[in-house]
Amino acid sequence: RLVPVLALLAATLSAAPAHPQAALDPASSQGLAET
């Protein structure tokens, strides 16, 4: 029961950018840090 709640929360609160990368670029790193 916890996993879907955690997944929903992570999805709704995410601040990560919307483009694919092989490694985290500065914008992704910043978005992750803010989240």
ModelCIF file with pLDDT and N, C-alpha, C, O atoms, coordinates in Angstrom:
data_MODEL
#
_entry.id   MODEL 
#
_entity.id                         1 
_entity.type                       polymer 
_entity.pdbx_number_of_molecules   1 
#
_entity_poly.entity_id                      1 
_entity_poly.type                           'polypeptide(L)' 
_entity_poly.nstd_linkage                   no 
_entity_poly.nstd_monomer                   no 
_entity_poly.pdbx_seq_one_letter_code       RLVPVLALLAATLSAAPAHPQAALDPASSQGLAET 
_entity_poly.pdbx_seq_one_letter_code_can   RLVPVLALLAATLSAAPAHPQAALDPASSQGLAET 
_entity_poly.pdbx_strand_id                 A 
#
loop_
_entity_poly_seq.entity_id 
_entity_poly_seq.num 
_entity_poly_seq.mon_id 
_entity_poly_seq.hetero 
1 1  ARG n 
1 2  LEU n 
1 3  VAL n 
1 4  PRO n 
1 5  VAL n 
1 6  LEU n 
1 7  ALA n 
1 8  LEU n 
1 9  LEU n 
1 10 ALA n 
1 11 ALA n 
1 12 THR n 
1 13 LEU n 
1 14 SER n 
1 15 ALA n 
1 16 ALA n 
1 17 PRO n 
1 18 ALA n 
1 19 HIS n 
1 20 PRO n 
1 21 GLN n 
1 22 ALA n 
1 23 ALA n 
1 24 LEU n 
1 25 ASP n 
1 26 PRO n 
1 27 ALA n 
1 28 SER n 
1 29 SER n 
1 30 GLN n 
1 31 GLY n 
1 32 LEU n 
1 33 ALA n 
1 34 GLU n 
1 35 THR n 
#
_struct_asym.id          A 
_struct_asym.entity_id   1 
#
loop_
_ma_qa_metric.id 
_ma_qa_metric.mode 
_ma_qa_metric.name 
_ma_qa_metric.software_group_id 
_ma_qa_metric.type 
1 global pLDDT . pLDDT 
2 local  pLDDT . pLDDT 
#
_ma_qa_metric_global.metric_id      1 
_ma_qa_metric_global.metric_value   64.94 
_ma_qa_metric_global.model_id       1 
_ma_qa_metric_global.ordinal_id     1 
#
loop_
_ma_qa_metric_local.label_asym_id 
_ma_qa_metric_local.label_comp_id 
_ma_qa_metric_local.label_seq_id 
_ma_qa_metric_local.metric_id 
_ma_qa_metric_local.metric_value 
_ma_qa_metric_local.model_id 
_ma_qa_metric_local.ordinal_id 
A ARG 1  2 60.00 1 1  
A LEU 2  2 61.00 1 2  
A VAL 3  2 62.00 1 3  
A PRO 4  2 59.00 1 4  
A VAL 5  2 61.00 1 5  
A LEU 6  2 63.00 1 6  
A ALA 7  2 60.00 1 7  
A LEU 8  2 56.00 1 8  
A LEU 9  2 58.00 1 9  
A ALA 10 2 59.00 1 10 
A ALA 11 2 54.00 1 11 
A THR 12 2 52.00 1 12 
A LEU 13 2 52.00 1 13 
A SER 14 2 50.00 1 14 
A ALA 15 2 44.00 1 15 
A ALA 16 2 43.00 1 16 
A PRO 17 2 40.00 1 17 
A ALA 18 2 40.00 1 18 
A HIS 19 2 39.00 1 19 
A PRO 20 2 40.00 1 20 
A GLN 21 2 40.00 1 21 
A ALA 22 2 47.00 1 22 
A ALA 23 2 73.00 1 23 
A LEU 24 2 84.00 1 24 
A ASP 25 2 84.00 1 25 
A PRO 26 2 88.00 1 26 
A ALA 27 2 86.00 1 27 
A SER 28 2 86.00 1 28 
A SER 29 2 89.00 1 29 
A GLN 30 2 90.00 1 30 
A GLY 31 2 89.00 1 31 
A LEU 32 2 90.00 1 32 
A ALA 33 2 92.00 1 33 
A GLU 34 2 92.00 1 34 
A THR 35 2 90.00 1 35 
#
loop_
_atom_site.group_PDB 
_atom_site.id 
_atom_site.type_symbol 
_atom_site.label_atom_id 
_atom_site.label_alt_id 
_atom_site.label_comp_id 
_atom_site.label_asym_id 
_atom_site.label_entity_id 
_atom_site.label_seq_id 
_atom_site.pdbx_PDB_ins_code 
_atom_site.Cartn_x 
_atom_site.Cartn_y 
_atom_site.Cartn_z 
_atom_site.occupancy 
_atom_site.B_iso_or_equiv 
_atom_site.pdbx_formal_charge 
_atom_site.auth_seq_id 
_atom_site.auth_comp_id 
_atom_site.auth_asym_id 
_atom_site.auth_atom_id 
_atom_site.pdbx_PDB_model_num 
ATOM 1   N N  . ARG A 1 1  ? 0.822  -1.209 0.000   1.00 60.00 ? 1  ARG A N  1 
ATOM 2   C CA . ARG A 1 1  ? 0.000  0.000  0.000   1.00 60.00 ? 1  ARG A CA 1 
ATOM 3   C C  . ARG A 1 1  ? 0.855  1.256  0.000   1.00 60.00 ? 1  ARG A C  1 
ATOM 4   O O  . ARG A 1 1  ? 0.412  2.294  -0.492  1.00 60.00 ? 1  ARG A O  1 
ATOM 5   N N  . LEU A 1 2  ? 2.062  1.193  0.536   1.00 61.00 ? 2  LEU A N  1 
ATOM 6   C CA . LEU A 1 2  ? 2.936  2.366  0.608   1.00 61.00 ? 2  LEU A CA 1 
ATOM 7   C C  . LEU A 1 2  ? 3.523  2.747  -0.741  1.00 61.00 ? 2  LEU A C  1 
ATOM 8   O O  . LEU A 1 2  ? 3.628  3.934  -1.052  1.00 61.00 ? 2  LEU A O  1 
ATOM 9   N N  . VAL A 1 3  ? 3.905  1.774  -1.540  1.00 62.00 ? 3  VAL A N  1 
ATOM 10  C CA . VAL A 1 3  ? 4.597  2.071  -2.793  1.00 62.00 ? 3  VAL A CA 1 
ATOM 11  C C  . VAL A 1 3  ? 3.756  2.952  -3.710  1.00 62.00 ? 3  VAL A C  1 
ATOM 12  O O  . VAL A 1 3  ? 4.280  3.940  -4.226  1.00 62.00 ? 3  VAL A O  1 
ATOM 13  N N  . PRO A 1 4  ? 2.464  2.643  -3.944  1.00 59.00 ? 4  PRO A N  1 
ATOM 14  C CA . PRO A 1 4  ? 1.693  3.545  -4.814  1.00 59.00 ? 4  PRO A CA 1 
ATOM 15  C C  . PRO A 1 4  ? 1.546  4.957  -4.241  1.00 59.00 ? 4  PRO A C  1 
ATOM 16  O O  . PRO A 1 4  ? 1.548  5.931  -4.993  1.00 59.00 ? 4  PRO A O  1 
ATOM 17  N N  . VAL A 1 5  ? 1.420  5.073  -2.934  1.00 61.00 ? 5  VAL A N  1 
ATOM 18  C CA . VAL A 1 5  ? 1.316  6.404  -2.326  1.00 61.00 ? 5  VAL A CA 1 
ATOM 19  C C  . VAL A 1 5  ? 2.621  7.167  -2.519  1.00 61.00 ? 5  VAL A C  1 
ATOM 20  O O  . VAL A 1 5  ? 2.609  8.347  -2.873  1.00 61.00 ? 5  VAL A O  1 
ATOM 21  N N  . LEU A 1 6  ? 3.740  6.499  -2.289  1.00 63.00 ? 6  LEU A N  1 
ATOM 22  C CA . LEU A 1 6  ? 5.040  7.141  -2.497  1.00 63.00 ? 6  LEU A CA 1 
ATOM 23  C C  . LEU A 1 6  ? 5.227  7.513  -3.960  1.00 63.00 ? 6  LEU A C  1 
ATOM 24  O O  . LEU A 1 6  ? 5.749  8.585  -4.265  1.00 63.00 ? 6  LEU A O  1 
ATOM 25  N N  . ALA A 1 7  ? 4.810  6.647  -4.861  1.00 60.00 ? 7  ALA A N  1 
ATOM 26  C CA . ALA A 1 7  ? 4.947  6.926  -6.293  1.00 60.00 ? 7  ALA A CA 1 
ATOM 27  C C  . ALA A 1 7  ? 4.108  8.129  -6.693  1.00 60.00 ? 7  ALA A C  1 
ATOM 28  O O  . ALA A 1 7  ? 4.578  8.997  -7.428  1.00 60.00 ? 7  ALA A O  1 
ATOM 29  N N  . LEU A 1 8  ? 2.865  8.186  -6.214  1.00 56.00 ? 8  LEU A N  1 
ATOM 30  C CA . LEU A 1 8  ? 1.999  9.327  -6.523  1.00 56.00 ? 8  LEU A CA 1 
ATOM 31  C C  . LEU A 1 8  ? 2.594  10.615 -5.971  1.00 56.00 ? 8  LEU A C  1 
ATOM 32  O O  . LEU A 1 8  ? 2.600  11.645 -6.645  1.00 56.00 ? 8  LEU A O  1 
ATOM 33  N N  . LEU A 1 9  ? 3.087  10.552 -4.756  1.00 58.00 ? 9  LEU A N  1 
ATOM 34  C CA . LEU A 1 9  ? 3.674  11.738 -4.150  1.00 58.00 ? 9  LEU A CA 1 
ATOM 35  C C  . LEU A 1 9  ? 4.887  12.210 -4.932  1.00 58.00 ? 9  LEU A C  1 
ATOM 36  O O  . LEU A 1 9  ? 5.029  13.402 -5.203  1.00 58.00 ? 9  LEU A O  1 
ATOM 37  N N  . ALA A 1 10 ? 5.754  11.291 -5.293  1.00 59.00 ? 10 ALA A N  1 
ATOM 38  C CA . ALA A 1 10 ? 6.946  11.672 -6.058  1.00 59.00 ? 10 ALA A CA 1 
ATOM 39  C C  . ALA A 1 10 ? 6.560  12.291 -7.393  1.00 59.00 ? 10 ALA A C  1 
ATOM 40  O O  . ALA A 1 10 ? 7.177  13.263 -7.830  1.00 59.00 ? 10 ALA A O  1 
ATOM 41  N N  . ALA A 1 11 ? 5.550  11.738 -8.039  1.00 54.00 ? 11 ALA A N  1 
ATOM 42  C CA . ALA A 1 11 ? 5.130  12.277 -9.336  1.00 54.00 ? 11 ALA A CA 1 
ATOM 43  C C  . ALA A 1 11 ? 4.526  13.660 -9.211  1.00 54.00 ? 11 ALA A C  1 
ATOM 44  O O  . ALA A 1 11 ? 4.790  14.525 -10.046 1.00 54.00 ? 11 ALA A O  1 
ATOM 45  N N  . THR A 1 12 ? 3.727  13.883 -8.193  1.00 52.00 ? 12 THR A N  1 
ATOM 46  C CA . THR A 1 12 ? 3.032  15.160 -8.086  1.00 52.00 ? 12 THR A CA 1 
ATOM 47  C C  . THR A 1 12 ? 3.917  16.271 -7.550  1.00 52.00 ? 12 THR A C  1 
ATOM 48  O O  . THR A 1 12 ? 3.620  17.446 -7.763  1.00 52.00 ? 12 THR A O  1 
ATOM 49  N N  . LEU A 1 13 ? 4.981  15.931 -6.870  1.00 52.00 ? 13 LEU A N  1 
ATOM 50  C CA . LEU A 1 13 ? 5.843  16.958 -6.296  1.00 52.00 ? 13 LEU A CA 1 
ATOM 51  C C  . LEU A 1 13 ? 7.144  17.148 -7.068  1.00 52.00 ? 13 LEU A C  1 
ATOM 52  O O  . LEU A 1 13 ? 7.971  17.973 -6.681  1.00 52.00 ? 13 LEU A O  1 
ATOM 53  N N  . SER A 1 14 ? 7.337  16.409 -8.138  1.00 50.00 ? 14 SER A N  1 
ATOM 54  C CA . SER A 1 14 ? 8.591  16.452 -8.887  1.00 50.00 ? 14 SER A CA 1 
ATOM 55  C C  . SER A 1 14 ? 8.808  17.803 -9.556  1.00 50.00 ? 14 SER A C  1 
ATOM 56  O O  . SER A 1 14 ? 7.884  18.401 -10.108 1.00 50.00 ? 14 SER A O  1 
ATOM 57  N N  . ALA A 1 15 ? 10.052 18.267 -9.493  1.00 44.00 ? 15 ALA A N  1 
ATOM 58  C CA . ALA A 1 15 ? 10.420 19.515 -10.168 1.00 44.00 ? 15 ALA A CA 1 
ATOM 59  C C  . ALA A 1 15 ? 11.474 19.273 -11.237 1.00 44.00 ? 15 ALA A C  1 
ATOM 60  O O  . ALA A 1 15 ? 12.123 20.220 -11.681 1.00 44.00 ? 15 ALA A O  1 
ATOM 61  N N  . ALA A 1 16 ? 11.661 18.021 -11.662 1.00 43.00 ? 16 ALA A N  1 
ATOM 62  C CA . ALA A 1 16 ? 12.704 17.697 -12.632 1.00 43.00 ? 16 ALA A CA 1 
ATOM 63  C C  . ALA A 1 16 ? 12.313 18.157 -14.029 1.00 43.00 ? 16 ALA A C  1 
ATOM 64  O O  . ALA A 1 16 ? 11.124 18.215 -14.339 1.00 43.00 ? 16 ALA A O  1 
ATOM 65  N N  . PRO A 1 17 ? 13.298 18.493 -14.895 1.00 40.00 ? 17 PRO A N  1 
ATOM 66  C CA . PRO A 1 17 ? 13.016 18.929 -16.258 1.00 40.00 ? 17 PRO A CA 1 
ATOM 67  C C  . PRO A 1 17 ? 12.536 17.776 -17.134 1.00 40.00 ? 17 PRO A C  1 
ATOM 68  O O  . PRO A 1 17 ? 12.731 16.608 -16.799 1.00 40.00 ? 17 PRO A O  1 
ATOM 69  N N  . ALA A 1 18 ? 11.901 18.117 -18.266 1.00 40.00 ? 18 ALA A N  1 
ATOM 70  C CA . ALA A 1 18 ? 11.258 17.109 -19.106 1.00 40.00 ? 18 ALA A CA 1 
ATOM 71  C C  . ALA A 1 18 ? 12.061 16.785 -20.357 1.00 40.00 ? 18 ALA A C  1 
ATOM 72  O O  . ALA A 1 18 ? 11.559 16.949 -21.469 1.00 40.00 ? 18 ALA A O  1 
ATOM 73  N N  . HIS A 1 19 ? 13.286 16.332 -20.198 1.00 39.00 ? 19 HIS A N  1 
ATOM 74  C CA . HIS A 1 19 ? 14.039 15.874 -21.359 1.00 39.00 ? 19 HIS A CA 1 
ATOM 75  C C  . HIS A 1 19 ? 15.016 14.798 -20.926 1.00 39.00 ? 19 HIS A C  1 
ATOM 76  O O  . HIS A 1 19 ? 15.545 14.858 -19.816 1.00 39.00 ? 19 HIS A O  1 
ATOM 77  N N  . PRO A 1 20 ? 15.272 13.793 -21.799 1.00 40.00 ? 20 PRO A N  1 
ATOM 78  C CA . PRO A 1 20 ? 16.126 12.676 -21.414 1.00 40.00 ? 20 PRO A CA 1 
ATOM 79  C C  . PRO A 1 20 ? 17.601 13.049 -21.398 1.00 40.00 ? 20 PRO A C  1 
ATOM 80  O O  . PRO A 1 20 ? 18.046 13.912 -22.155 1.00 40.00 ? 20 PRO A O  1 
ATOM 81  N N  . GLN A 1 21 ? 18.350 12.385 -20.521 1.00 40.00 ? 21 GLN A N  1 
ATOM 82  C CA . GLN A 1 21 ? 19.790 12.561 -20.452 1.00 40.00 ? 21 GLN A CA 1 
ATOM 83  C C  . GLN A 1 21 ? 20.447 11.252 -20.054 1.00 40.00 ? 21 GLN A C  1 
ATOM 84  O O  . GLN A 1 21 ? 19.830 10.405 -19.410 1.00 40.00 ? 21 GLN A O  1 
ATOM 85  N N  . ALA A 1 22 ? 21.697 11.096 -20.441 1.00 47.00 ? 22 ALA A N  1 
ATOM 86  C CA . ALA A 1 22 ? 22.452 9.932  -19.999 1.00 47.00 ? 22 ALA A CA 1 
ATOM 87  C C  . ALA A 1 22 ? 22.844 10.094 -18.535 1.00 47.00 ? 22 ALA A C  1 
ATOM 88  O O  . ALA A 1 22 ? 22.825 9.124  -17.778 1.00 47.00 ? 22 ALA A O  1 
ATOM 89  N N  . ALA A 1 23 ? 23.196 11.303 -18.134 1.00 73.00 ? 23 ALA A N  1 
ATOM 90  C CA . ALA A 1 23 ? 23.528 11.614 -16.741 1.00 73.00 ? 23 ALA A CA 1 
ATOM 91  C C  . ALA A 1 23 ? 22.798 12.906 -16.407 1.00 73.00 ? 23 ALA A C  1 
ATOM 92  O O  . ALA A 1 23 ? 22.339 13.623 -17.296 1.00 73.00 ? 23 ALA A O  1 
ATOM 93  N N  . LEU A 1 24 ? 22.700 13.189 -15.136 1.00 84.00 ? 24 LEU A N  1 
ATOM 94  C CA . LEU A 1 24 ? 21.982 14.401 -14.744 1.00 84.00 ? 24 LEU A CA 1 
ATOM 95  C C  . LEU A 1 24 ? 22.767 15.639 -15.160 1.00 84.00 ? 24 LEU A C  1 
ATOM 96  O O  . LEU A 1 24 ? 23.932 15.806 -14.799 1.00 84.00 ? 24 LEU A O  1 
ATOM 97  N N  . ASP A 1 25 ? 22.111 16.492 -15.919 1.00 84.00 ? 25 ASP A N  1 
ATOM 98  C CA . ASP A 1 25 ? 22.712 17.767 -16.278 1.00 84.00 ? 25 ASP A CA 1 
ATOM 99  C C  . ASP A 1 25 ? 22.455 18.755 -15.142 1.00 84.00 ? 25 ASP A C  1 
ATOM 100 O O  . ASP A 1 25 ? 21.747 18.421 -14.192 1.00 84.00 ? 25 ASP A O  1 
ATOM 101 N N  . PRO A 1 26 ? 23.016 19.968 -15.220 1.00 88.00 ? 26 PRO A N  1 
ATOM 102 C CA . PRO A 1 26 ? 22.830 20.926 -14.128 1.00 88.00 ? 26 PRO A CA 1 
ATOM 103 C C  . PRO A 1 26 ? 21.358 21.241 -13.820 1.00 88.00 ? 26 PRO A C  1 
ATOM 104 O O  . PRO A 1 26 ? 20.993 21.375 -12.652 1.00 88.00 ? 26 PRO A O  1 
ATOM 105 N N  . ALA A 1 27 ? 20.518 21.358 -14.843 1.00 86.00 ? 27 ALA A N  1 
ATOM 106 C CA . ALA A 1 27 ? 19.102 21.656 -14.596 1.00 86.00 ? 27 ALA A CA 1 
ATOM 107 C C  . ALA A 1 27 ? 18.417 20.494 -13.871 1.00 86.00 ? 27 ALA A C  1 
ATOM 108 O O  . ALA A 1 27 ? 17.614 20.717 -12.965 1.00 86.00 ? 27 ALA A O  1 
ATOM 109 N N  . SER A 1 28 ? 18.731 19.262 -14.264 1.00 86.00 ? 28 SER A N  1 
ATOM 110 C CA . SER A 1 28 ? 18.152 18.091 -13.603 1.00 86.00 ? 28 SER A CA 1 
ATOM 111 C C  . SER A 1 28 ? 18.643 17.991 -12.169 1.00 86.00 ? 28 SER A C  1 
ATOM 112 O O  . SER A 1 28 ? 17.872 17.702 -11.253 1.00 86.00 ? 28 SER A O  1 
ATOM 113 N N  . SER A 1 29 ? 19.937 18.233 -11.985 1.00 89.00 ? 29 SER A N  1 
ATOM 114 C CA . SER A 1 29 ? 20.500 18.194 -10.632 1.00 89.00 ? 29 SER A CA 1 
ATOM 115 C C  . SER A 1 29 ? 19.846 19.239 -9.744  1.00 89.00 ? 29 SER A C  1 
ATOM 116 O O  . SER A 1 29 ? 19.529 18.968 -8.586  1.00 89.00 ? 29 SER A O  1 
ATOM 117 N N  . GLN A 1 30 ? 19.644 20.434 -10.287 1.00 90.00 ? 30 GLN A N  1 
ATOM 118 C CA . GLN A 1 30 ? 18.994 21.492 -9.520  1.00 90.00 ? 30 GLN A CA 1 
ATOM 119 C C  . GLN A 1 30 ? 17.536 21.134 -9.225  1.00 90.00 ? 30 GLN A C  1 
ATOM 120 O O  . GLN A 1 30 ? 17.066 21.335 -8.105  1.00 90.00 ? 30 GLN A O  1 
ATOM 121 N N  . GLY A 1 31 ? 16.823 20.609 -10.213 1.00 89.00 ? 31 GLY A N  1 
ATOM 122 C CA . GLY A 1 31 ? 15.436 20.193 -10.004 1.00 89.00 ? 31 GLY A CA 1 
ATOM 123 C C  . GLY A 1 31 ? 15.330 19.113 -8.942  1.00 89.00 ? 31 GLY A C  1 
ATOM 124 O O  . GLY A 1 31 ? 14.440 19.156 -8.092  1.00 89.00 ? 31 GLY A O  1 
ATOM 125 N N  . LEU A 1 32 ? 16.238 18.141 -8.989  1.00 90.00 ? 32 LEU A N  1 
ATOM 126 C CA . LEU A 1 32 ? 16.249 17.086 -7.984  1.00 90.00 ? 32 LEU A CA 1 
ATOM 127 C C  . LEU A 1 32 ? 16.539 17.672 -6.609  1.00 90.00 ? 32 LEU A C  1 
ATOM 128 O O  . LEU A 1 32 ? 15.861 17.339 -5.637  1.00 90.00 ? 32 LEU A O  1 
ATOM 129 N N  . ALA A 1 33 ? 17.534 18.536 -6.520  1.00 92.00 ? 33 ALA A N  1 
ATOM 130 C CA . ALA A 1 33 ? 17.881 19.145 -5.230  1.00 92.00 ? 33 ALA A CA 1 
ATOM 131 C C  . ALA A 1 33 ? 16.693 19.918 -4.647  1.00 92.00 ? 33 ALA A C  1 
ATOM 132 O O  . ALA A 1 33 ? 16.426 19.835 -3.448  1.00 92.00 ? 33 ALA A O  1 
ATOM 133 N N  . GLU A 1 34 ? 15.979 20.671 -5.496  1.00 92.00 ? 34 GLU A N  1 
ATOM 134 C CA . GLU A 1 34 ? 14.811 21.422 -5.035  1.00 92.00 ? 34 GLU A CA 1 
ATOM 135 C C  . GLU A 1 34 ? 13.706 20.486 -4.562  1.00 92.00 ? 34 GLU A C  1 
ATOM 136 O O  . GLU A 1 34 ? 13.054 20.745 -3.551  1.00 92.00 ? 34 GLU A O  1 
ATOM 137 N N  . THR A 1 35 ? 13.499 19.403 -5.295  1.00 90.00 ? 35 THR A N  1 
ATOM 138 C CA . THR A 1 35 ? 12.467 18.436 -4.911  1.00 90.00 ? 35 THR A CA 1 
ATOM 139 C C  . THR A 1 35 ? 12.815 17.777 -3.586  1.00 90.00 ? 35 THR A C  1 
ATOM 140 O O  . THR A 1 35 ? 12.063 16.932 -3.099  1.00 90.00 ? 35 THR A O  1 
#
